[in-house]
Amino acid sequence: MPKYRTTTEPLPVPTPVTQPFWDGTREHRLLLQRCDAGHVFFYPRSHCPRCLSNRLEWVEASGRGTLYSYTIARRPTSPDFEQDVPFVIAVVELEEGPRMTSRLVEVEPGEVRIGMRLEVVFDDVTDAVTLPYFRPAGT
């Protein structure tokens, strides 16, 4: 049973480019791509967005970051999210540099503050899909 979400929400469908990311989340590892010039980025893609290199590797991220921006969803964006409102949609600046959009969990919407330290937490939604969310560090 999922820990942080309802079972009615749509699930991601991995592509050949994103499959290693989703394989990592199933193992409770947050993976990012890095090109041979050392640029680390997220979301997964076939070429580095800075230098266009296609020589990429997957590296494990620390799972720690800072809240860069957020919004509180008070109305569902679709009927699939009706049971979850309100929830926090966060842009997390990872220690490695890239920013990642996710949900913030284990914190009340009124307690959320820009700059708060966060850590990744994984939600095993199905046998095939594990979603990365973020919570306040040290929770």
C-alpha atoms as a PDB file:
ATOM      1  CA  MET A   1       0.000   0.000   0.000  1.00  0.00           C
ATOM      2  CA  PRO A   2       1.426   3.409  -0.919  1.00  0.00           C
ATOM      3  CA  LYS A   3       2.523   5.522   2.011  1.00  0.00           C
ATOM      4  CA  TYR A   4       2.062   9.047   0.632  1.00  0.00           C
ATOM      5  CA  ARG A   5      -0.384   8.906  -2.235  1.00  0.00           C
ATOM      6  CA  THR A   6      -3.728   7.517  -3.260  1.00  0.00           C
ATOM      7  CA  THR A   7      -3.854   4.547  -5.571  1.00  0.00           C
ATOM      8  CA  THR A   8      -5.931   6.456  -8.134  1.00  0.00           C
ATOM      9  CA  GLU A   9      -3.235   8.882  -9.249  1.00  0.00           C
ATOM     10  CA  PRO A  10      -1.625   8.336 -12.658  1.00  0.00           C
ATOM     11  CA  LEU A  11       1.759   6.614 -12.605  1.00  0.00           C
ATOM     12  CA  PRO A  12       4.832   7.475 -14.690  1.00  0.00           C
ATOM     13  CA  VAL A  13       5.542   5.368 -17.745  1.00  0.00           C
ATOM     14  CA  PRO A  14       9.298   4.861 -18.129  1.00  0.00           C
ATOM     15  CA  THR A  15      10.928   5.358 -21.509  1.00  0.00           C
ATOM     16  CA  PRO A  16      14.294   3.927 -22.588  1.00  0.00           C
ATOM     17  CA  VAL A  17      15.938   7.202 -21.488  1.00  0.00           C
ATOM     18  CA  THR A  18      14.212   7.380 -18.079  1.00  0.00           C
ATOM     19  CA  GLN A  19      14.239   3.650 -17.225  1.00  0.00           C
ATOM     20  CA  PRO A  20      17.529   3.801 -15.232  1.00  0.00           C
ATOM     21  CA  PHE A  21      16.083   6.604 -13.069  1.00  0.00           C
ATOM     22  CA  TRP A  22      12.982   4.520 -12.265  1.00  0.00           C
ATOM     23  CA  ASP A  23      15.109   1.405 -11.681  1.00  0.00           C
ATOM     24  CA  GLY A  24      17.073   3.449  -9.143  1.00  0.00           C
ATOM     25  CA  THR A  25      13.983   4.667  -7.308  1.00  0.00           C
ATOM     26  CA  ARG A  26      12.769   1.071  -7.003  1.00  0.00           C
ATOM     27  CA  GLU A  27      16.061   0.406  -5.168  1.00  0.00           C
ATOM     28  CA  HIS A  28      15.496   3.574  -3.066  1.00  0.00           C
ATOM     29  CA  ARG A  29      18.357   5.351  -4.817  1.00  0.00           C
ATOM     30  CA  LEU A  30      18.068   8.790  -6.398  1.00  0.00           C
ATOM     31  CA  LEU A  31      20.045   8.746  -9.654  1.00  0.00           C
ATOM     32  CA  LEU A  32      21.118  11.723 -11.752  1.00  0.00           C
ATOM     33  CA  GLN A  33      22.884  11.872 -15.082  1.00  0.00           C
ATOM     34  CA  ARG A  34      26.385  13.272 -15.529  1.00  0.00           C
ATOM     35  CA  CYS A  35      28.197  13.900 -18.801  1.00  0.00           C
ATOM     36  CA  ASP A  36      31.880  13.269 -19.364  1.00  0.00           C
ATOM     37  CA  ALA A  37      32.545  17.011 -18.832  1.00  0.00           C
ATOM     38  CA  GLY A  38      31.129  16.694 -15.302  1.00  0.00           C
ATOM     39  CA  HIS A  39      27.779  18.452 -15.769  1.00  0.00           C
ATOM     40  CA  VAL A  40      25.113  16.897 -13.527  1.00  0.00           C
ATOM     41  CA  PHE A  41      21.487  17.318 -14.535  1.00  0.00           C
ATOM     42  CA  PHE A  42      17.913  16.251 -14.053  1.00  0.00           C
ATOM     43  CA  TYR A  43      15.451  15.333 -15.775  1.00  0.00           C
ATOM     44  CA  PRO A  44      16.798  12.342 -17.726  1.00  0.00           C
ATOM     45  CA  ARG A  45      17.648  12.942 -21.366  1.00  0.00           C
ATOM     46  CA  SER A  46      19.806  11.612 -24.156  1.00  0.00           C
ATOM     47  CA  HIS A  47      22.258  14.562 -24.259  1.00  0.00           C
ATOM     48  CA  CYS A  48      23.720  16.951 -21.701  1.00  0.00           C
ATOM     49  CA  PRO A  49      21.728  20.221 -21.752  1.00  0.00           C
ATOM     50  CA  ARG A  50      24.916  22.298 -21.240  1.00  0.00           C
ATOM     51  CA  CYS A  51      27.439  20.809 -23.670  1.00  0.00           C
ATOM     52  CA  LEU A  52      25.263  18.431 -25.734  1.00  0.00           C
ATOM     53  CA  SER A  53      27.520  15.455 -25.002  1.00  0.00           C
ATOM     54  CA  ASN A  54      25.846  12.084 -25.356  1.00  0.00           C
ATOM     55  CA  ARG A  55      28.508  10.396 -23.203  1.00  0.00           C
ATOM     56  CA  LEU A  56      26.427  10.139 -20.043  1.00  0.00           C
ATOM     57  CA  GLU A  57      26.548   8.069 -16.877  1.00  0.00           C
ATOM     58  CA  TRP A  58      24.160   7.610 -13.978  1.00  0.00           C
ATOM     59  CA  VAL A  59      25.439   8.687 -10.553  1.00  0.00           C
ATOM     60  CA  GLU A  60      23.806   8.322  -7.175  1.00  0.00           C
ATOM     61  CA  ALA A  61      22.734  11.607  -5.594  1.00  0.00           C
ATOM     62  CA  SER A  62      22.915  12.309  -1.875  1.00  0.00           C
ATOM     63  CA  GLY A  63      19.139  12.698  -1.699  1.00  0.00           C
ATOM     64  CA  ARG A  64      19.562  15.995   0.160  1.00  0.00           C
ATOM     65  CA  GLY A  65      18.597  19.453  -0.980  1.00  0.00           C
ATOM     66  CA  THR A  66      16.961  22.770  -0.212  1.00  0.00           C
ATOM     67  CA  LEU A  67      13.454  23.973  -0.961  1.00  0.00           C
ATOM     68  CA  TYR A  68      13.860  26.399  -3.861  1.00  0.00           C
ATOM     69  CA  SER A  69      10.174  27.101  -4.543  1.00  0.00           C
ATOM     70  CA  TYR A  70       6.750  25.614  -3.875  1.00  0.00           C
ATOM     71  CA  THR A  71       3.028  25.936  -4.293  1.00  0.00           C
ATOM     72  CA  ILE A  72       0.175  24.457  -2.333  1.00  0.00           C
ATOM     73  CA  ALA A  73      -2.377  22.610  -4.454  1.00  0.00           C
ATOM     74  CA  ARG A  74      -5.685  23.358  -2.757  1.00  0.00           C
ATOM     75  CA  ARG A  75      -7.844  22.184  -5.648  1.00  0.00           C
ATOM     76  CA  PRO A  76      -7.221  18.965  -7.541  1.00  0.00           C
ATOM     77  CA  THR A  77      -5.716  19.427 -10.984  1.00  0.00           C
ATOM     78  CA  SER A  78      -7.705  16.372 -12.032  1.00  0.00           C
ATOM     79  CA  PRO A  79     -10.125  13.966 -10.317  1.00  0.00           C
ATOM     80  CA  ASP A  80      -7.144  11.627  -9.767  1.00  0.00           C
ATOM     81  CA  PHE A  81      -5.771  13.990  -7.090  1.00  0.00           C
ATOM     82  CA  GLU A  82      -9.071  14.773  -5.342  1.00  0.00           C
ATOM     83  CA  GLN A  83      -8.279  12.748  -2.197  1.00  0.00           C
ATOM     84  CA  ASP A  84      -4.861  14.348  -1.688  1.00  0.00           C
ATOM     85  CA  VAL A  85      -5.570  18.087  -1.540  1.00  0.00           C
ATOM     86  CA  PRO A  86      -4.108  20.108  -0.078  1.00  0.00           C
ATOM     87  CA  PHE A  87      -0.582  18.986  -0.966  1.00  0.00           C
ATOM     88  CA  VAL A  88       2.719  20.746  -1.547  1.00  0.00           C
ATOM     89  CA  ILE A  89       4.366  20.738  -4.974  1.00  0.00           C
ATOM     90  CA  ALA A  90       8.036  21.566  -4.440  1.00  0.00           C
ATOM     91  CA  VAL A  91      11.042  22.529  -6.525  1.00  0.00           C
ATOM     92  CA  VAL A  92      14.026  21.064  -4.691  1.00  0.00           C
ATOM     93  CA  GLU A  93      17.555  22.244  -5.392  1.00  0.00           C
ATOM     94  CA  LEU A  94      19.625  19.109  -4.903  1.00  0.00           C
ATOM     95  CA  GLU A  95      23.069  19.298  -3.287  1.00  0.00           C
ATOM     96  CA  GLU A  96      24.504  18.197  -6.636  1.00  0.00           C
ATOM     97  CA  GLY A  97      23.024  21.287  -8.339  1.00  0.00           C
ATOM     98  CA  PRO A  98      20.022  20.236 -10.417  1.00  0.00           C
ATOM     99  CA  ARG A  99      16.494  21.191  -9.437  1.00  0.00           C
ATOM    100  CA  MET A 100      13.785  18.571  -9.234  1.00  0.00           C
ATOM    101  CA  THR A 101      10.021  18.964  -8.942  1.00  0.00           C
ATOM    102  CA  SER A 102       8.341  16.616  -6.500  1.00  0.00           C
ATOM    103  CA  ARG A 103       5.861  16.513  -3.649  1.00  0.00           C
ATOM    104  CA  LEU A 104       6.733  17.573  -0.139  1.00  0.00           C
ATOM    105  CA  VAL A 105       5.496  15.143   2.516  1.00  0.00           C
ATOM    106  CA  GLU A 106       5.545  14.818   6.307  1.00  0.00           C
ATOM    107  CA  VAL A 107       5.031  18.583   6.746  1.00  0.00           C
ATOM    108  CA  GLU A 108       1.902  20.717   7.035  1.00  0.00           C
ATOM    109  CA  PRO A 109       1.466  23.224   4.187  1.00  0.00           C
ATOM    110  CA  GLY A 110       1.607  26.143   6.642  1.00  0.00           C
ATOM    111  CA  GLU A 111       5.015  24.996   7.957  1.00  0.00           C
ATOM    112  CA  VAL A 112       6.743  25.049   4.553  1.00  0.00           C
ATOM    113  CA  ARG A 113       9.517  27.648   4.136  1.00  0.00           C
ATOM    114  CA  ILE A 114      11.815  28.493   1.234  1.00  0.00           C
ATOM    115  CA  GLY A 115      15.346  27.350   2.066  1.00  0.00           C
ATOM    116  CA  MET A 116      14.315  24.519   4.368  1.00  0.00           C
ATOM    117  CA  ARG A 117      16.604  21.491   4.241  1.00  0.00           C
ATOM    118  CA  LEU A 118      15.027  18.423   2.654  1.00  0.00           C
ATOM    119  CA  GLU A 119      15.780  14.758   2.131  1.00  0.00           C
ATOM    120  CA  VAL A 120      14.386  12.250  -0.316  1.00  0.00           C
ATOM    121  CA  VAL A 121      11.941   9.582   0.817  1.00  0.00           C
ATOM    122  CA  PHE A 122      10.629   6.805  -1.403  1.00  0.00           C
ATOM    123  CA  ASP A 123       7.070   5.579  -1.818  1.00  0.00           C
ATOM    124  CA  ASP A 124       6.711   2.021  -3.148  1.00  0.00           C
ATOM    125  CA  VAL A 125       3.480   2.536  -5.051  1.00  0.00           C
ATOM    126  CA  THR A 126       3.463  -0.755  -6.959  1.00  0.00           C
ATOM    127  CA  ASP A 127       5.977  -3.550  -7.511  1.00  0.00           C
ATOM    128  CA  ALA A 128       7.156  -1.688 -10.616  1.00  0.00           C
ATOM    129  CA  VAL A 129       6.922   1.982  -9.558  1.00  0.00           C
ATOM    130  CA  THR A 130       8.547   3.795  -6.644  1.00  0.00           C
ATOM    131  CA  LEU A 131       8.136   7.566  -6.451  1.00  0.00           C
ATOM    132  CA  PRO A 132      10.666   9.948  -4.897  1.00  0.00           C
ATOM    133  CA  TYR A 133       9.210  12.600  -2.592  1.00  0.00           C
ATOM    134  CA  PHE A 134      10.939  14.989  -0.211  1.00  0.00           C
ATOM    135  CA  ARG A 135      10.441  15.685   3.489  1.00  0.00           C
ATOM    136  CA  PRO A 136      12.107  18.029   5.978  1.00  0.00           C
ATOM    137  CA  ALA A 137      15.609  16.745   6.760  1.00  0.00           C
ATOM    138  CA  GLY A 138      15.929  14.791   9.971  1.00  0.00           C
ATOM    139  CA  THR A 139      12.245  13.840  10.130  1.00  0.00           C
END
